[in-house]
Amino acid sequence: MDAAREVALSLPRSYEALVGGRVKFRVGRFVYLAFSVDETLMGFSFPKEVREALIKSDPKKFVMPRSSDLRYSWVRVRLAAIDDTEMQALVVDAWAMVVPKGVAAAHLDQPRL
C-alpha cells in the first residue's frame, strides 16, 4: 500500500482520508482509490461498462466490488497479484477518471522519470 500511497499523493488534487478504518484517496468528494482494512485488496475507479470484461480477463487478479459498490464505476484488485508498474497504472488511470480532464491532460503530458 505504501507504493500506491506515494503515487496517489503525487497526483494533483489527490488527498488521503481515513474512513471507517480504511484508507481512501479522493479528488474533491470523489473516491478513486481505497484499500481493504487488511490491505490485501485495492478498489479503484474503473468504467462500469467494461468492468466484467476486466474481471473475466484475469479473475485471479481482479474482483467484483462489494454489492454495495456495484452501482459505482469501481473494481477491486488483489495487491499480491500485481507489480508496482501495474499498480501505478491502475492508480493513475483511476485518478484520471475523477479529476477534471484539463488537470489530467496537463499532468499526463509531463515527462516521466
PDB file of N, CA and C in Angstrom:
ATOM      1  N   MET A   1       0.813  -1.193   0.000  1.00  0.00           N
ATOM      2  CA  MET A   1       0.000   0.000   0.000  1.00  0.00           C
ATOM      3  C   MET A   1       0.857   1.257   0.000  1.00  0.00           C
ATOM      4  N   ASP A   2       2.041   1.181   0.546  1.00  0.00           N
ATOM      5  CA  ASP A   2       2.892   2.367   0.603  1.00  0.00           C
ATOM      6  C   ASP A   2       3.252   2.887  -0.785  1.00  0.00           C
ATOM      7  N   ALA A   3       3.512   1.978  -1.710  1.00  0.00           N
ATOM      8  CA  ALA A   3       3.844   2.403  -3.075  1.00  0.00           C
ATOM      9  C   ALA A   3       2.643   3.083  -3.728  1.00  0.00           C
ATOM     10  N   ALA A   4       1.449   2.543  -3.520  1.00  0.00           N
ATOM     11  CA  ALA A   4       0.232   3.161  -4.070  1.00  0.00           C
ATOM     12  C   ALA A   4      -0.006   4.526  -3.430  1.00  0.00           C
ATOM     13  N   ARG A   5       0.224   4.631  -2.137  1.00  0.00           N
ATOM     14  CA  ARG A   5       0.069   5.908  -1.433  1.00  0.00           C
ATOM     15  C   ARG A   5       1.001   6.959  -2.040  1.00  0.00           C
ATOM     16  N   GLU A   6       2.235   6.575  -2.289  1.00  0.00           N
ATOM     17  CA  GLU A   6       3.206   7.514  -2.864  1.00  0.00           C
ATOM     18  C   GLU A   6       2.734   8.015  -4.229  1.00  0.00           C
ATOM     19  N   VAL A   7       2.239   7.109  -5.054  1.00  0.00           N
ATOM     20  CA  VAL A   7       1.737   7.502  -6.375  1.00  0.00           C
ATOM     21  C   VAL A   7       0.530   8.421  -6.217  1.00  0.00           C
ATOM     22  N   ALA A   8      -0.438   8.010  -5.402  1.00  0.00           N
ATOM     23  CA  ALA A   8      -1.672   8.785  -5.243  1.00  0.00           C
ATOM     24  C   ALA A   8      -1.393  10.189  -4.716  1.00  0.00           C
ATOM     25  N   LEU A   9      -0.508  10.303  -3.747  1.00  0.00           N
ATOM     26  CA  LEU A   9      -0.228  11.616  -3.170  1.00  0.00           C
ATOM     27  C   LEU A   9       0.589  12.508  -4.100  1.00  0.00           C
ATOM     28  N   SER A  10       1.180  11.925  -5.133  1.00  0.00           N
ATOM     29  CA  SER A  10       1.931  12.723  -6.108  1.00  0.00           C
ATOM     30  C   SER A  10       1.022  13.335  -7.176  1.00  0.00           C
ATOM     31  N   LEU A  11      -0.241  12.909  -7.210  1.00  0.00           N
ATOM     32  CA  LEU A  11      -1.165  13.363  -8.247  1.00  0.00           C
ATOM     33  C   LEU A  11      -1.870  14.654  -7.833  1.00  0.00           C
ATOM     34  N   PRO A  12      -2.014  15.593  -8.759  1.00  0.00           N
ATOM     35  CA  PRO A  12      -2.677  16.856  -8.436  1.00  0.00           C
ATOM     36  C   PRO A  12      -4.081  16.655  -7.871  1.00  0.00           C
ATOM     37  N   ARG A  13      -4.395  17.406  -6.841  1.00  0.00           N
ATOM     38  CA  ARG A  13      -5.709  17.446  -6.183  1.00  0.00           C
ATOM     39  C   ARG A  13      -6.050  16.196  -5.398  1.00  0.00           C
ATOM     40  N   SER A  14      -5.151  15.237  -5.321  1.00  0.00           N
ATOM     41  CA  SER A  14      -5.403  13.989  -4.610  1.00  0.00           C
ATOM     42  C   SER A  14      -5.035  14.150  -3.140  1.00  0.00           C
ATOM     43  N   TYR A  15      -5.875  13.585  -2.267  1.00  0.00           N
ATOM     44  CA  TYR A  15      -5.557  13.594  -0.848  1.00  0.00           C
ATOM     45  C   TYR A  15      -6.061  12.308  -0.201  1.00  0.00           C
ATOM     46  N   GLU A  16      -5.462  11.988   0.935  1.00  0.00           N
ATOM     47  CA  GLU A  16      -5.768  10.763   1.666  1.00  0.00           C
ATOM     48  C   GLU A  16      -6.794  11.046   2.752  1.00  0.00           C
ATOM     49  N   ALA A  17      -7.679  10.083   2.978  1.00  0.00           N
ATOM     50  CA  ALA A  17      -8.666  10.172   4.051  1.00  0.00           C
ATOM     51  C   ALA A  17      -8.797   8.805   4.701  1.00  0.00           C
ATOM     52  N   LEU A  18      -9.076   8.796   5.987  1.00  0.00           N
ATOM     53  CA  LEU A  18      -9.335   7.556   6.704  1.00  0.00           C
ATOM     54  C   LEU A  18     -10.829   7.510   6.985  1.00  0.00           C
ATOM     55  N   VAL A  19     -11.514   6.526   6.409  1.00  0.00           N
ATOM     56  CA  VAL A  19     -12.967   6.412   6.533  1.00  0.00           C
ATOM     57  C   VAL A  19     -13.299   5.002   7.029  1.00  0.00           C
ATOM     58  N   GLY A  20     -13.875   4.919   8.200  1.00  0.00           N
ATOM     59  CA  GLY A  20     -14.236   3.611   8.748  1.00  0.00           C
ATOM     60  C   GLY A  20     -13.058   2.667   8.875  1.00  0.00           C
ATOM     61  N   GLY A  21     -11.902   3.199   9.193  1.00  0.00           N
ATOM     62  CA  GLY A  21     -10.706   2.385   9.341  1.00  0.00           C
ATOM     63  C   GLY A  21     -10.045   1.987   8.030  1.00  0.00           C
ATOM     64  N   ARG A  22     -10.546   2.528   6.929  1.00  0.00           N
ATOM     65  CA  ARG A  22      -9.985   2.208   5.608  1.00  0.00           C
ATOM     66  C   ARG A  22      -9.342   3.441   5.006  1.00  0.00           C
ATOM     67  N   VAL A  23      -8.198   3.249   4.382  1.00  0.00           N
ATOM     68  CA  VAL A  23      -7.507   4.335   3.693  1.00  0.00           C
ATOM     69  C   VAL A  23      -8.147   4.518   2.325  1.00  0.00           C
ATOM     70  N   LYS A  24      -8.508   5.768   2.042  1.00  0.00           N
ATOM     71  CA  LYS A  24      -9.102   6.107   0.751  1.00  0.00           C
ATOM     72  C   LYS A  24      -8.405   7.347   0.204  1.00  0.00           C
ATOM     73  N   PHE A  25      -8.408   7.450  -1.110  1.00  0.00           N
ATOM     74  CA  PHE A  25      -7.850   8.633  -1.766  1.00  0.00           C
ATOM     75  C   PHE A  25      -8.945   9.287  -2.569  1.00  0.00           C
ATOM     76  N   ARG A  26      -8.980  10.597  -2.488  1.00  0.00           N
ATOM     77  CA  ARG A  26     -10.050  11.369  -3.099  1.00  0.00           C
ATOM     78  C   ARG A  26      -9.504  12.507  -3.937  1.00  0.00           C
ATOM     79  N   VAL A  27     -10.363  12.955  -4.831  1.00  0.00           N
ATOM     80  CA  VAL A  27     -10.229  14.229  -5.523  1.00  0.00           C
ATOM     81  C   VAL A  27     -11.557  14.917  -5.250  1.00  0.00           C
ATOM     82  N   GLY A  28     -11.525  15.977  -4.466  1.00  0.00           N
ATOM     83  CA  GLY A  28     -12.773  16.603  -4.053  1.00  0.00           C
ATOM     84  C   GLY A  28     -13.588  15.600  -3.260  1.00  0.00           C
ATOM     85  N   ARG A  29     -14.843  15.414  -3.640  1.00  0.00           N
ATOM     86  CA  ARG A  29     -15.696  14.459  -2.922  1.00  0.00           C
ATOM     87  C   ARG A  29     -15.675  13.067  -3.543  1.00  0.00           C
ATOM     88  N   PHE A  30     -14.938  12.889  -4.640  1.00  0.00           N
ATOM     89  CA  PHE A  30     -14.893  11.606  -5.342  1.00  0.00           C
ATOM     90  C   PHE A  30     -13.777  10.708  -4.815  1.00  0.00           C
ATOM     91  N   VAL A  31     -14.138   9.502  -4.404  1.00  0.00           N
ATOM     92  CA  VAL A  31     -13.154   8.492  -4.019  1.00  0.00           C
ATOM     93  C   VAL A  31     -12.737   7.767  -5.291  1.00  0.00           C
ATOM     94  N   TYR A  32     -11.434   7.680  -5.527  1.00  0.00           N
ATOM     95  CA  TYR A  32     -10.970   6.959  -6.713  1.00  0.00           C
ATOM     96  C   TYR A  32     -10.098   5.761  -6.364  1.00  0.00           C
ATOM     97  N   LEU A  33      -9.740   5.636  -5.094  1.00  0.00           N
ATOM     98  CA  LEU A  33      -8.860   4.561  -4.671  1.00  0.00           C
ATOM     99  C   LEU A  33      -9.151   4.255  -3.209  1.00  0.00           C
ATOM    100  N   ALA A  34      -9.253   2.967  -2.854  1.00  0.00           N
ATOM    101  CA  ALA A  34      -9.494   2.583  -1.463  1.00  0.00           C
ATOM    102  C   ALA A  34      -8.876   1.213  -1.214  1.00  0.00           C
ATOM    103  N   PHE A  35      -8.498   0.997   0.039  1.00  0.00           N
ATOM    104  CA  PHE A  35      -7.872  -0.262   0.423  1.00  0.00           C
ATOM    105  C   PHE A  35      -8.735  -0.984   1.443  1.00  0.00           C
ATOM    106  N   SER A  36      -8.750  -2.315   1.358  1.00  0.00           N
ATOM    107  CA  SER A  36      -9.449  -3.101   2.370  1.00  0.00           C
ATOM    108  C   SER A  36      -8.729  -2.896   3.700  1.00  0.00           C
ATOM    109  N   VAL A  37      -9.419  -3.182   4.786  1.00  0.00           N
ATOM    110  CA  VAL A  37      -8.833  -2.995   6.115  1.00  0.00           C
ATOM    111  C   VAL A  37      -7.538  -3.799   6.251  1.00  0.00           C
ATOM    112  N   ASP A  38      -7.510  -5.009   5.695  1.00  0.00           N
ATOM    113  CA  ASP A  38      -6.302  -5.838   5.786  1.00  0.00           C
ATOM    114  C   ASP A  38      -5.281  -5.520   4.688  1.00  0.00           C
ATOM    115  N   GLU A  39      -5.595  -4.538   3.847  1.00  0.00           N
ATOM    116  CA  GLU A  39      -4.697  -4.050   2.784  1.00  0.00           C
ATOM    117  C   GLU A  39      -4.331  -5.117   1.751  1.00  0.00           C
ATOM    118  N   THR A  40      -5.172  -6.103   1.552  1.00  0.00           N
ATOM    119  CA  THR A  40      -4.921  -7.116   0.527  1.00  0.00           C
ATOM    120  C   THR A  40      -5.603  -6.771  -0.787  1.00  0.00           C
ATOM    121  N   LEU A  41      -6.635  -5.921  -0.727  1.00  0.00           N
ATOM    122  CA  LEU A  41      -7.386  -5.521  -1.918  1.00  0.00           C
ATOM    123  C   LEU A  41      -7.317  -4.014  -2.093  1.00  0.00           C
ATOM    124  N   MET A  42      -7.235  -3.599  -3.341  1.00  0.00           N
ATOM    125  CA  MET A  42      -7.282  -2.185  -3.676  1.00  0.00           C
ATOM    126  C   MET A  42      -8.469  -1.972  -4.602  1.00  0.00           C
ATOM    127  N   GLY A  43      -9.405  -1.142  -4.191  1.00  0.00           N
ATOM    128  CA  GLY A  43     -10.522  -0.771  -5.047  1.00  0.00           C
ATOM    129  C   GLY A  43     -10.145   0.488  -5.808  1.00  0.00           C
ATOM    130  N   PHE A  44     -10.613   0.592  -7.041  1.00  0.00           N
ATOM    131  CA  PHE A  44     -10.241   1.757  -7.846  1.00  0.00           C
ATOM    132  C   PHE A  44     -11.331   2.073  -8.856  1.00  0.00           C
ATOM    133  N   SER A  45     -11.401   3.348  -9.225  1.00  0.00           N
ATOM    134  CA  SER A  45     -12.364   3.784 -10.245  1.00  0.00           C
ATOM    135  C   SER A  45     -12.048   3.086 -11.552  1.00  0.00           C
ATOM    136  N   PHE A  46     -13.119   2.587 -12.180  1.00  0.00           N
ATOM    137  CA  PHE A  46     -12.970   1.878 -13.442  1.00  0.00           C
ATOM    138  C   PHE A  46     -14.333   1.895 -14.123  1.00  0.00           C
ATOM    139  N   PRO A  47     -14.385   2.095 -15.433  1.00  0.00           N
ATOM    140  CA  PRO A  47     -15.675   2.186 -16.126  1.00  0.00           C
ATOM    141  C   PRO A  47     -16.541   0.940 -15.925  1.00  0.00           C
ATOM    142  N   LYS A  48     -17.779   1.141 -15.472  1.00  0.00           N
ATOM    143  CA  LYS A  48     -18.711   0.029 -15.248  1.00  0.00           C
ATOM    144  C   LYS A  48     -18.943  -0.782 -16.511  1.00  0.00           C
ATOM    145  N   GLU A  49     -18.941  -0.103 -17.662  1.00  0.00           N
ATOM    146  CA  GLU A  49     -19.273  -0.748 -18.933  1.00  0.00           C
ATOM    147  C   GLU A  49     -18.313  -1.872 -19.297  1.00  0.00           C
ATOM    148  N   VAL A  50     -17.089  -1.809 -18.828  1.00  0.00           N
ATOM    149  CA  VAL A  50     -16.094  -2.828 -19.175  1.00  0.00           C
ATOM    150  C   VAL A  50     -15.559  -3.572 -17.950  1.00  0.00           C
ATOM    151  N   ARG A  51     -16.204  -3.356 -16.818  1.00  0.00           N
ATOM    152  CA  ARG A  51     -15.770  -3.987 -15.562  1.00  0.00           C
ATOM    153  C   ARG A  51     -15.783  -5.512 -15.668  1.00  0.00           C
ATOM    154  N   GLU A  52     -16.877  -6.087 -16.162  1.00  0.00           N
ATOM    155  CA  GLU A  52     -16.956  -7.552 -16.253  1.00  0.00           C
ATOM    156  C   GLU A  52     -15.887  -8.122 -17.176  1.00  0.00           C
ATOM    157  N   ALA A  53     -15.608  -7.419 -18.257  1.00  0.00           N
ATOM    158  CA  ALA A  53     -14.569  -7.884 -19.186  1.00  0.00           C
ATOM    159  C   ALA A  53     -13.199  -7.884 -18.502  1.00  0.00           C
ATOM    160  N   LEU A  54     -12.918  -6.853 -17.718  1.00  0.00           N
ATOM    161  CA  LEU A  54     -11.641  -6.802 -16.996  1.00  0.00           C
ATOM    162  C   LEU A  54     -11.536  -7.982 -16.030  1.00  0.00           C
ATOM    163  N   ILE A  55     -12.573  -8.223 -15.274  1.00  0.00           N
ATOM    164  CA  ILE A  55     -12.552  -9.307 -14.288  1.00  0.00           C
ATOM    165  C   ILE A  55     -12.417 -10.663 -14.980  1.00  0.00           C
ATOM    166  N   LYS A  56     -13.141 -10.857 -16.074  1.00  0.00           N
ATOM    167  CA  LYS A  56     -13.049 -12.122 -16.816  1.00  0.00           C
ATOM    168  C   LYS A  56     -11.665 -12.306 -17.449  1.00  0.00           C
ATOM    169  N   SER A  57     -10.985 -11.210 -17.748  1.00  0.00           N
ATOM    170  CA  SER A  57      -9.655 -11.309 -18.356  1.00  0.00           C
ATOM    171  C   SER A  57      -8.633 -11.917 -17.401  1.00  0.00           C
ATOM    172  N   ASP A  58      -8.837 -11.738 -16.090  1.00  0.00           N
ATOM    173  CA  ASP A  58      -7.925 -12.310 -15.107  1.00  0.00           C
ATOM    174  C   ASP A  58      -8.613 -12.369 -13.741  1.00  0.00           C
ATOM    175  N   PRO A  59      -9.492 -13.356 -13.540  1.00  0.00           N
ATOM    176  CA  PRO A  59     -10.256 -13.436 -12.293  1.00  0.00           C
ATOM    177  C   PRO A  59      -9.418 -13.734 -11.048  1.00  0.00           C
ATOM    178  N   LYS A  60      -8.186 -14.176 -11.234  1.00  0.00           N
ATOM    179  CA  LYS A  60      -7.305 -14.374 -10.083  1.00  0.00           C
ATOM    180  C   LYS A  60      -6.737 -13.039  -9.598  1.00  0.00           C
ATOM    181  N   LYS A  61      -6.799 -12.054 -10.458  1.00  0.00           N
ATOM    182  CA  LYS A  61      -6.263 -10.737 -10.145  1.00  0.00           C
ATOM    183  C   LYS A  61      -7.372  -9.751  -9.793  1.00  0.00           C
ATOM    184  N   PHE A  62      -8.394  -9.664 -10.636  1.00  0.00           N
ATOM    185  CA  PHE A  62      -9.456  -8.667 -10.472  1.00  0.00           C
ATOM    186  C   PHE A  62     -10.702  -9.273  -9.856  1.00  0.00           C
ATOM    187  N   VAL A  63     -11.384  -8.485  -9.034  1.00  0.00           N
ATOM    188  CA  VAL A  63     -12.534  -8.945  -8.259  1.00  0.00           C
ATOM    189  C   VAL A  63     -13.654  -7.915  -8.382  1.00  0.00           C
ATOM    190  N   MET A  64     -14.893  -8.409  -8.428  1.00  0.00           N
ATOM    191  CA  MET A  64     -16.043  -7.502  -8.424  1.00  0.00           C
ATOM    192  C   MET A  64     -16.045  -6.689  -7.130  1.00  0.00           C
ATOM    193  N   PRO A  65     -16.587  -5.485  -7.196  1.00  0.00           N
ATOM    194  CA  PRO A  65     -16.717  -4.715  -5.956  1.00  0.00           C
ATOM    195  C   PRO A  65     -17.762  -5.354  -5.041  1.00  0.00           C
ATOM    196  N   ARG A  66     -17.769  -4.904  -3.792  1.00  0.00           N
ATOM    197  CA  ARG A  66     -18.806  -5.367  -2.870  1.00  0.00           C
ATOM    198  C   ARG A  66     -20.167  -5.006  -3.461  1.00  0.00           C
ATOM    199  N   SER A  67     -21.190  -5.736  -3.081  1.00  0.00           N
ATOM    200  CA  SER A  67     -22.521  -5.493  -3.655  1.00  0.00           C
ATOM    201  C   SER A  67     -22.977  -4.054  -3.430  1.00  0.00           C
ATOM    202  N   SER A  68     -22.584  -3.448  -2.328  1.00  0.00           N
ATOM    203  CA  SER A  68     -22.970  -2.059  -2.065  1.00  0.00           C
ATOM    204  C   SER A  68     -22.268  -1.076  -2.998  1.00  0.00           C
ATOM    205  N   ASP A  69     -21.212  -1.516  -3.658  1.00  0.00           N
ATOM    206  CA  ASP A  69     -20.455  -0.641  -4.561  1.00  0.00           C
ATOM    207  C   ASP A  69     -20.715  -0.923  -6.039  1.00  0.00           C
ATOM    208  N   LEU A  70     -21.586  -1.872  -6.357  1.00  0.00           N
ATOM    209  CA  LEU A  70     -21.837  -2.237  -7.753  1.00  0.00           C
ATOM    210  C   LEU A  70     -22.389  -1.076  -8.577  1.00  0.00           C
ATOM    211  N   ARG A  71     -23.077  -0.156  -7.955  1.00  0.00           N
ATOM    212  CA  ARG A  71     -23.661   0.971  -8.704  1.00  0.00           C
ATOM    213  C   ARG A  71     -22.599   1.984  -9.137  1.00  0.00           C
ATOM    214  N   TYR A  72     -21.418   1.886  -8.562  1.00  0.00           N
ATOM    215  CA  TYR A  72     -20.341   2.819  -8.887  1.00  0.00           C
ATOM    216  C   TYR A  72     -19.428   2.257  -9.967  1.00  0.00           C
ATOM    217  N   SER A  73     -18.669   3.134 -10.581  1.00  0.00           N
ATOM    218  CA  SER A  73     -17.626   2.731 -11.531  1.00  0.00           C
ATOM    219  C   SER A  73     -16.438   2.279 -10.688  1.00  0.00           C
ATOM    220  N   TRP A  74     -16.418   1.003 -10.349  1.00  0.00           N
ATOM    221  CA  TRP A  74     -15.486   0.518  -9.336  1.00  0.00           C
ATOM    222  C   TRP A  74     -15.159  -0.936  -9.581  1.00  0.00           C
ATOM    223  N   VAL A  75     -13.926  -1.325  -9.285  1.00  0.00           N
ATOM    224  CA  VAL A  75     -13.486  -2.717  -9.331  1.00  0.00           C
ATOM    225  C   VAL A  75     -12.389  -2.871  -8.290  1.00  0.00           C
ATOM    226  N   ARG A  76     -12.071  -4.101  -7.935  1.00  0.00           N
ATOM    227  CA  ARG A  76     -11.012  -4.347  -6.952  1.00  0.00           C
ATOM    228  C   ARG A  76      -9.948  -5.247  -7.564  1.00  0.00           C
ATOM    229  N   VAL A  77      -8.739  -5.116  -7.019  1.00  0.00           N
ATOM    230  CA  VAL A  77      -7.623  -5.943  -7.467  1.00  0.00           C
ATOM    231  C   VAL A  77      -6.918  -6.500  -6.232  1.00  0.00           C
ATOM    232  N   ARG A  78      -6.446  -7.736  -6.368  1.00  0.00           N
ATOM    233  CA  ARG A  78      -5.639  -8.346  -5.300  1.00  0.00           C
ATOM    234  C   ARG A  78      -4.226  -7.782  -5.429  1.00  0.00           C
ATOM    235  N   LEU A  79      -3.783  -7.078  -4.399  1.00  0.00           N
ATOM    236  CA  LEU A  79      -2.479  -6.419  -4.475  1.00  0.00           C
ATOM    237  C   LEU A  79      -1.329  -7.409  -4.669  1.00  0.00           C
ATOM    238  N   ALA A  80      -1.441  -8.590  -4.122  1.00  0.00           N
ATOM    239  CA  ALA A  80      -0.378  -9.592  -4.275  1.00  0.00           C
ATOM    240  C   ALA A  80      -0.244 -10.070  -5.718  1.00  0.00           C
ATOM    241  N   ALA A  81      -1.253  -9.812  -6.538  1.00  0.00           N
ATOM    242  CA  ALA A  81      -1.259 -10.305  -7.915  1.00  0.00           C
ATOM    243  C   ALA A  81      -0.714  -9.304  -8.925  1.00  0.00           C
ATOM    244  N   ILE A  82      -0.336  -8.084  -8.469  1.00  0.00           N
ATOM    245  CA  ILE A  82       0.169  -7.073  -9.406  1.00  0.00           C
ATOM    246  C   ILE A  82       1.530  -6.572  -8.956  1.00  0.00           C
ATOM    247  N   ASP A  83       2.290  -6.084  -9.927  1.00  0.00           N
ATOM    248  CA  ASP A  83       3.586  -5.489  -9.592  1.00  0.00           C
ATOM    249  C   ASP A  83       3.422  -3.967  -9.490  1.00  0.00           C
ATOM    250  N   ASP A  84       4.498  -3.282  -9.137  1.00  0.00           N
ATOM    251  CA  ASP A  84       4.435  -1.834  -8.940  1.00  0.00           C
ATOM    252  C   ASP A  84       4.078  -1.080 -10.219  1.00  0.00           C
ATOM    253  N   THR A  85       4.520  -1.562 -11.359  1.00  0.00           N
ATOM    254  CA  THR A  85       4.213  -0.888 -12.622  1.00  0.00           C
ATOM    255  C   THR A  85       2.719  -0.938 -12.907  1.00  0.00           C
ATOM    256  N   GLU A  86       2.111  -2.102 -12.735  1.00  0.00           N
ATOM    257  CA  GLU A  86       0.671  -2.227 -12.969  1.00  0.00           C
ATOM    258  C   GLU A  86      -0.120  -1.435 -11.925  1.00  0.00           C
ATOM    259  N   MET A  87       0.334  -1.473 -10.670  1.00  0.00           N
ATOM    260  CA  MET A  87      -0.329  -0.715  -9.616  1.00  0.00           C
ATOM    261  C   MET A  87      -0.322   0.774  -9.952  1.00  0.00           C
ATOM    262  N   GLN A  88       0.817   1.277 -10.380  1.00  0.00           N
ATOM    263  CA  GLN A  88       0.925   2.692 -10.724  1.00  0.00           C
ATOM    264  C   GLN A  88      -0.047   3.045 -11.854  1.00  0.00           C
ATOM    265  N   ALA A  89      -0.115   2.219 -12.864  1.00  0.00           N
ATOM    266  CA  ALA A  89      -1.022   2.477 -13.988  1.00  0.00           C
ATOM    267  C   ALA A  89      -2.480   2.478 -13.528  1.00  0.00           C
ATOM    268  N   LEU A  90      -2.858   1.539 -12.668  1.00  0.00           N
ATOM    269  CA  LEU A  90      -4.233   1.489 -12.165  1.00  0.00           C
ATOM    270  C   LEU A  90      -4.566   2.733 -11.353  1.00  0.00           C
ATOM    271  N   VAL A  91      -3.643   3.165 -10.502  1.00  0.00           N
ATOM    272  CA  VAL A  91      -3.870   4.358  -9.668  1.00  0.00           C
ATOM    273  C   VAL A  91      -4.015   5.598 -10.538  1.00  0.00           C
ATOM    274  N   VAL A  92      -3.123   5.784 -11.480  1.00  0.00           N
ATOM    275  CA  VAL A  92      -3.170   6.974 -12.338  1.00  0.00           C
ATOM    276  C   VAL A  92      -4.425   6.978 -13.205  1.00  0.00           C
ATOM    277  N   ASP A  93      -4.778   5.841 -13.768  1.00  0.00           N
ATOM    278  CA  ASP A  93      -5.996   5.767 -14.587  1.00  0.00           C
ATOM    279  C   ASP A  93      -7.244   6.044 -13.755  1.00  0.00           C
ATOM    280  N   ALA A  94      -7.287   5.532 -12.529  1.00  0.00           N
ATOM    281  CA  ALA A  94      -8.436   5.782 -11.649  1.00  0.00           C
ATOM    282  C   ALA A  94      -8.531   7.262 -11.306  1.00  0.00           C
ATOM    283  N   TRP A  95      -7.408   7.871 -11.000  1.00  0.00           N
ATOM    284  CA  TRP A  95      -7.355   9.310 -10.704  1.00  0.00           C
ATOM    285  C   TRP A  95      -7.844  10.117 -11.906  1.00  0.00           C
ATOM    286  N   ALA A  96      -7.400   9.738 -13.090  1.00  0.00           N
ATOM    287  CA  ALA A  96      -7.778  10.472 -14.306  1.00  0.00           C
ATOM    288  C   ALA A  96      -9.285  10.416 -14.560  1.00  0.00           C
ATOM    289  N   MET A  97      -9.964   9.398 -14.028  1.00  0.00           N
ATOM    290  CA  MET A  97     -11.417   9.308 -14.198  1.00  0.00           C
ATOM    291  C   MET A  97     -12.171  10.354 -13.383  1.00  0.00           C
ATOM    292  N   VAL A  98     -11.577  10.827 -12.280  1.00  0.00           N
ATOM    293  CA  VAL A  98     -12.313  11.718 -11.377  1.00  0.00           C
ATOM    294  C   VAL A  98     -11.816  13.157 -11.359  1.00  0.00           C
ATOM    295  N   VAL A  99     -10.640  13.388 -11.865  1.00  0.00           N
ATOM    296  CA  VAL A  99     -10.088  14.751 -11.881  1.00  0.00           C
ATOM    297  C   VAL A  99     -10.570  15.454 -13.162  1.00  0.00           C
ATOM    298  N   PRO A 100     -10.682  16.785 -13.149  1.00  0.00           N
ATOM    299  CA  PRO A 100     -11.055  17.470 -14.393  1.00  0.00           C
ATOM    300  C   PRO A 100     -10.118  17.083 -15.544  1.00  0.00           C
ATOM    301  N   LYS A 101     -10.676  16.952 -16.730  1.00  0.00           N
ATOM    302  CA  LYS A 101      -9.908  16.487 -17.896  1.00  0.00           C
ATOM    303  C   LYS A 101      -8.661  17.328 -18.159  1.00  0.00           C
ATOM    304  N   GLY A 102      -8.767  18.629 -17.984  1.00  0.00           N
ATOM    305  CA  GLY A 102      -7.616  19.505 -18.207  1.00  0.00           C
ATOM    306  C   GLY A 102      -6.489  19.245 -17.223  1.00  0.00           C
ATOM    307  N   VAL A 103      -6.830  18.943 -15.987  1.00  0.00           N
ATOM    308  CA  VAL A 103      -5.826  18.637 -14.967  1.00  0.00           C
ATOM    309  C   VAL A 103      -5.127  17.327 -15.320  1.00  0.00           C
ATOM    310  N   ALA A 104      -5.909  16.339 -15.707  1.00  0.00           N
ATOM    311  CA  ALA A 104      -5.321  15.049 -16.090  1.00  0.00           C
ATOM    312  C   ALA A 104      -4.420  15.211 -17.299  1.00  0.00           C
ATOM    313  N   ALA A 105      -4.886  15.931 -18.306  1.00  0.00           N
ATOM    314  CA  ALA A 105      -4.096  16.116 -19.532  1.00  0.00           C
ATOM    315  C   ALA A 105      -2.783  16.827 -19.226  1.00  0.00           C
ATOM    316  N   ALA A 106      -2.841  17.869 -18.413  1.00  0.00           N
ATOM    317  CA  ALA A 106      -1.623  18.617 -18.082  1.00  0.00           C
ATOM    318  C   ALA A 106      -0.635  17.729 -17.328  1.00  0.00           C
ATOM    319  N   HIS A 107      -1.134  16.925 -16.393  1.00  0.00           N
ATOM    320  CA  HIS A 107      -0.252  16.072 -15.608  1.00  0.00           C
ATOM    321  C   HIS A 107       0.311  14.922 -16.458  1.00  0.00           C
ATOM    322  N   LEU A 108      -0.524  14.315 -17.261  1.00  0.00           N
ATOM    323  CA  LEU A 108      -0.090  13.161 -18.049  1.00  0.00           C
ATOM    324  C   LEU A 108       0.832  13.523 -19.189  1.00  0.00           C
ATOM    325  N   ASP A 109       0.790  14.797 -19.603  1.00  0.00           N
ATOM    326  CA  ASP A 109       1.699  15.255 -20.657  1.00  0.00           C
ATOM    327  C   ASP A 109       3.097  15.563 -20.151  1.00  0.00           C
ATOM    328  N   GLN A 110       3.277  15.566 -18.824  1.00  0.00           N
ATOM    329  CA  GLN A 110       4.592  15.836 -18.257  1.00  0.00           C
ATOM    330  C   GLN A 110       5.511  14.647 -18.486  1.00  0.00           C
ATOM    331  N   PRO A 111       6.785  14.920 -18.727  1.00  0.00           N
ATOM    332  CA  PRO A 111       7.728  13.810 -18.922  1.00  0.00           C
ATOM    333  C   PRO A 111       7.863  12.986 -17.641  1.00  0.00           C
ATOM    334  N   ARG A 112       7.971  11.691 -17.782  1.00  0.00           N
ATOM    335  CA  ARG A 112       8.144  10.768 -16.643  1.00  0.00           C
ATOM    336  C   ARG A 112       9.630  10.535 -16.397  1.00  0.00           C
ATOM    337  N   LEU A 113       9.969  10.305 -15.151  1.00  0.00           N
ATOM    338  CA  LEU A 113      11.371   9.987 -14.811  1.00  0.00           C
ATOM    339  C   LEU A 113      11.613   8.509 -14.856  1.00  0.00           C
TER     340      LEU A 113
END
